[in-house]
């Protein structure tokens, strides 16, 4: 999903790819991309409660996301 997509299109895409369980935000003016230093799409950003973050560039499968999540939880 990209900046400029309508909220309706984002909701449709979320359901199509099956990631309803994750939080999603509309990034209307690219503020989040700039804040988390996202330079290409797709990029997955894991944000920790204290504000630190880890970015992963490229499309990820649900299994890869689960693996990355487990790695980050073990490291914290």
Protein backbone atom coordinates (compact mmCIF):
# COMPACT_ATOMS: atom_id res chain seq x y z
CA UNK A 1 0.00 0.00 0.00
CA UNK A 2 1.36 3.36 -0.85
CA UNK A 3 0.99 6.99 0.05
CA UNK A 4 -1.88 8.40 -1.92
CA UNK A 5 -4.04 5.29 -1.76
CA UNK A 6 -7.54 6.03 -0.54
CA UNK A 7 -8.55 4.63 2.86
CA UNK A 8 -11.07 2.40 1.07
CA UNK A 9 -8.37 0.98 -1.21
CA UNK A 10 -6.12 0.38 1.80
CA UNK A 11 -8.87 -1.53 3.63
CA UNK A 12 -9.50 -3.65 0.54
CA UNK A 13 -5.79 -4.44 0.19
CA UNK A 14 -5.49 -5.31 3.90
CA UNK A 15 -8.28 -7.87 3.51
CA UNK A 16 -6.89 -9.22 0.23
CA UNK A 17 -3.46 -9.96 1.68
CA UNK A 18 -4.81 -11.18 5.02
CA UNK A 19 -3.09 -8.86 7.48
CA UNK A 20 -6.11 -7.65 9.43
CA UNK A 21 -4.46 -8.56 12.74
CA UNK A 22 -1.77 -5.91 12.28
CA UNK A 23 -2.28 -2.21 12.99
CA UNK A 24 -2.43 0.01 9.90
CA UNK A 25 -2.28 3.77 9.52
CA UNK A 26 -2.89 6.13 6.63
CA UNK A 27 0.31 8.06 5.90
CA UNK A 28 -1.27 10.99 4.07
CA UNK A 29 1.74 13.28 3.83
CA UNK A 30 4.64 10.82 4.17
CA UNK A 31 5.43 11.90 7.75
CA UNK A 32 5.79 8.30 8.91
CA UNK A 33 8.00 7.38 5.97
CA UNK A 34 10.33 10.26 6.80
CA UNK A 35 10.29 9.56 10.54
CA UNK A 36 11.20 5.88 10.07
CA UNK A 37 13.57 6.61 7.17
CA UNK A 38 11.61 4.49 4.68
CA UNK A 39 13.24 4.90 1.28
CA UNK A 40 11.43 2.25 -0.77
CA UNK A 41 8.20 0.34 -0.91
CA UNK A 42 7.48 -2.16 0.51
CA UNK A 43 9.19 -1.67 3.86
CA UNK A 44 8.06 -3.27 7.10
CA UNK A 45 8.83 -1.30 10.27
CA UNK A 46 8.72 -2.93 13.71
CA UNK A 47 8.30 -0.23 16.39
CA UNK A 48 9.16 -1.06 20.00
CA UNK A 49 7.27 0.48 22.95
CA UNK A 50 10.22 2.78 23.72
CA UNK A 51 10.25 4.13 20.17
CA UNK A 52 13.23 2.27 18.73
CA UNK A 53 12.54 0.55 15.43
CA UNK A 54 13.81 -2.02 12.97
CA UNK A 55 13.09 -1.73 9.24
CA UNK A 56 12.97 -4.59 6.75
CA UNK A 57 12.92 -3.64 3.07
CA UNK A 58 11.05 -5.86 0.62
CA UNK A 59 7.89 -7.92 0.59
CA UNK A 60 7.56 -10.44 3.40
CA UNK A 61 5.44 -13.55 3.80
CA UNK A 62 3.40 -14.00 6.95
CA UNK A 63 5.84 -16.73 8.02
CA UNK A 64 8.80 -14.39 7.56
CA UNK A 65 7.02 -11.68 9.55
CA UNK A 66 6.43 -14.17 12.37
CA UNK A 67 10.11 -15.22 12.27
CA UNK A 68 11.30 -11.60 12.36
CA UNK A 69 8.92 -10.84 15.22
CA UNK A 70 10.25 -13.79 17.24
CA UNK A 71 13.86 -12.68 16.61
CA UNK A 72 13.10 -9.15 17.76
CA UNK A 73 11.27 -10.37 20.87
CA UNK A 74 14.20 -12.59 21.83
CA UNK A 75 16.66 -9.73 21.31
CA UNK A 76 14.75 -7.33 23.57
